[in-house]
Amino acid sequence: MRFTRDALTWAPRKMIRRVAGRYAGVSVDLEQTLDDRYLDDLREMYEADGFHNAYLSTVRSLINPRALFGGQHDVTRRLQELRIPVQLIWGAADPLFPLAHAERAQSLIGHAALAVIDGAGHTPQSEQPEEFNRVLHRFLDT
């Protein structure tokens, strides 16, 4: 976490875009998707008090001993308990969490809609912001 925060301050923007693109499977114009404003916001987020602890808490919540030793790690076991409408928005080419994960989550949540955004990887909100916002607004307006 500290390395990433520090790299955001010294690494050239072009390098940051290339690394982020590889990590998140971004398949669009990185100059547009990860523009200077986006990178400034990312730097601010990494520098915010509590961000590191919140991020690490999230990662730790996804890890259990079974997962570490090759067991099946399933964070979906409680999704069927959700009793509110849920809108899943997924990048069609997400290399970290394939579309099958979204489809499974949708099947487990009673009131879930799934919108798949073509031309987006792990971060559809920044890769295809217009389409992402269209889906989100449609959901919030219902």
Protein backbone atom coordinates (compact mmCIF):
# COMPACT_ATOMS: atom_id res chain seq x y z
CA MET A 1 0.00 0.00 0.00
CA ARG A 2 2.73 2.46 0.88
CA PHE A 3 4.63 1.54 -2.27
CA THR A 4 1.56 2.24 -4.38
CA ARG A 5 0.95 5.55 -2.60
CA ASP A 6 4.58 6.54 -3.08
CA ALA A 7 4.64 5.38 -6.71
CA LEU A 8 1.64 7.57 -7.42
CA THR A 9 3.74 10.58 -6.40
CA TRP A 10 6.96 9.81 -8.31
CA ALA A 11 5.98 7.59 -11.24
CA PRO A 12 5.24 9.24 -14.58
CA ARG A 13 1.54 9.27 -15.46
CA LYS A 14 2.21 7.12 -18.54
CA MET A 15 3.75 4.38 -16.36
CA ILE A 16 0.85 4.53 -13.88
CA ARG A 17 -1.63 4.14 -16.74
CA ARG A 18 0.25 1.17 -18.20
CA VAL A 19 0.48 -0.68 -14.88
CA ALA A 20 -3.16 0.05 -13.99
CA GLY A 21 -4.26 -1.05 -17.43
CA ARG A 22 -2.50 -4.39 -17.13
CA TYR A 23 -3.74 -4.99 -13.61
CA ALA A 24 -7.37 -4.16 -14.32
CA GLY A 25 -7.61 -5.46 -17.86
CA VAL A 26 -8.44 -2.07 -19.28
CA SER A 27 -8.97 -2.31 -23.01
CA VAL A 28 -9.76 1.32 -23.81
CA ASP A 29 -7.74 4.49 -24.35
CA LEU A 30 -5.87 4.89 -21.07
CA GLU A 31 -5.17 8.58 -21.69
CA GLN A 32 -8.92 9.16 -21.64
CA THR A 33 -9.94 6.56 -19.05
CA LEU A 34 -7.22 7.40 -16.55
CA ASP A 35 -6.97 11.09 -17.32
CA ASP A 36 -4.99 13.51 -15.15
CA ARG A 37 -8.04 14.32 -13.01
CA TYR A 38 -8.63 10.61 -12.33
CA LEU A 39 -4.98 10.12 -11.34
CA ASP A 40 -5.15 13.16 -9.05
CA ASP A 41 -8.24 11.67 -7.38
CA LEU A 42 -6.42 8.33 -7.02
CA ARG A 43 -3.48 10.04 -5.36
CA GLU A 44 -5.80 11.84 -2.98
CA MET A 45 -7.60 8.61 -2.10
CA TYR A 46 -4.33 6.80 -1.32
CA GLU A 47 -3.19 9.69 0.86
CA ALA A 48 -6.45 9.91 2.84
CA ASP A 49 -6.40 8.97 6.50
CA GLY A 50 -7.84 5.52 7.00
CA PHE A 51 -7.70 4.44 3.34
CA HIS A 52 -4.94 1.89 3.89
CA ASN A 53 -6.71 0.31 6.85
CA ALA A 54 -10.04 0.20 5.00
CA TYR A 55 -8.44 -1.38 1.94
CA LEU A 56 -6.52 -3.95 3.95
CA SER A 57 -9.64 -4.80 5.97
CA THR A 58 -11.43 -5.53 2.74
CA VAL A 59 -8.64 -7.77 1.49
CA ARG A 60 -8.40 -9.57 4.82
CA SER A 61 -12.13 -10.23 4.82
CA LEU A 62 -11.71 -12.12 1.56
CA ILE A 63 -9.03 -14.43 2.89
CA ASN A 64 -9.53 -17.42 5.13
CA PRO A 65 -7.29 -20.43 5.86
CA ARG A 66 -9.14 -22.64 3.36
CA ALA A 67 -8.45 -20.16 0.58
CA LEU A 68 -4.77 -19.91 1.50
CA PHE A 69 -4.32 -23.68 1.27
CA GLY A 70 -6.08 -24.12 -2.06
CA GLY A 71 -9.61 -24.60 -0.76
CA GLN A 72 -12.65 -23.10 -2.34
CA HIS A 73 -13.18 -19.50 -1.17
CA ASP A 74 -16.77 -18.40 -1.49
CA VAL A 75 -17.91 -14.94 -0.42
CA THR A 76 -21.37 -15.38 -1.93
CA ARG A 77 -22.87 -17.61 0.76
CA ARG A 78 -24.96 -14.81 2.28
CA LEU A 79 -26.11 -13.04 -0.88
CA GLN A 80 -29.55 -14.69 -0.74
CA GLU A 81 -30.15 -12.84 2.54
CA LEU A 82 -30.30 -9.50 0.71
CA ARG A 83 -33.87 -8.20 0.64
CA ILE A 84 -33.28 -4.98 -1.29
CA PRO A 85 -32.96 -4.32 -5.01
CA VAL A 86 -29.38 -4.66 -6.23
CA GLN A 87 -27.86 -3.46 -9.50
CA LEU A 88 -24.71 -5.31 -10.51
CA ILE A 89 -22.64 -3.47 -13.10
CA TRP A 90 -19.86 -5.58 -14.62
CA GLY A 91 -17.18 -5.14 -17.22
CA ALA A 92 -17.51 -7.82 -19.90
CA ALA A 93 -13.75 -8.31 -19.98
CA ASP A 94 -12.99 -8.19 -16.24
CA PRO A 95 -9.85 -10.33 -15.76
CA LEU A 96 -10.02 -10.25 -11.95
CA PHE A 97 -13.66 -11.28 -11.51
CA PRO A 98 -15.01 -12.96 -14.65
CA LEU A 99 -18.61 -12.47 -15.75
CA ALA A 100 -19.52 -15.88 -14.32
CA HIS A 101 -19.04 -14.37 -10.84
CA ALA A 102 -21.61 -11.67 -11.59
CA GLU A 103 -24.04 -14.19 -13.05
CA ARG A 104 -23.74 -16.35 -9.94
CA ALA A 105 -24.25 -13.37 -7.64
CA GLN A 106 -27.32 -12.34 -9.63
CA SER A 107 -28.79 -15.81 -9.32
CA LEU A 108 -28.34 -15.75 -5.54
CA ILE A 109 -29.82 -12.30 -4.93
CA GLY A 110 -33.59 -12.20 -5.11
CA HIS A 111 -33.91 -8.71 -6.56
CA ALA A 112 -30.77 -8.29 -8.63
CA ALA A 113 -30.31 -6.90 -12.10
CA LEU A 114 -27.08 -7.39 -14.02
CA ALA A 115 -25.78 -4.92 -16.57
CA VAL A 116 -22.73 -6.04 -18.53
CA ILE A 117 -20.71 -3.26 -20.12
CA ASP A 118 -18.90 -4.20 -23.30
CA GLY A 119 -15.47 -2.67 -23.78
CA ALA A 120 -14.83 -2.56 -20.03
CA GLY A 121 -12.62 -4.60 -17.75
CA HIS A 122 -12.46 -4.38 -13.96
CA THR A 123 -13.31 -0.68 -13.73
CA PRO A 124 -16.35 0.00 -15.92
CA GLN A 125 -17.05 3.19 -13.97
CA SER A 126 -13.90 4.75 -15.41
CA GLU A 127 -13.56 2.82 -18.68
CA GLN A 128 -17.13 3.43 -19.88
CA PRO A 129 -18.41 6.18 -17.55
CA GLU A 130 -21.33 7.27 -19.73
CA GLU A 131 -22.74 3.75 -19.98
CA PHE A 132 -22.03 3.06 -16.30
CA ASN A 133 -23.85 6.23 -15.25
CA ARG A 134 -26.76 5.50 -17.61
CA VAL A 135 -27.26 2.08 -15.98
CA LEU A 136 -26.84 3.47 -12.48
CA HIS A 137 -29.28 6.35 -13.05
CA ARG A 138 -31.86 4.01 -14.57
CA PHE A 139 -31.60 1.81 -11.48
CA LEU A 140 -31.77 4.72 -9.02
CA ASP A 141 -34.73 6.27 -10.83
CA THR A 142 -36.87 3.14 -10.46
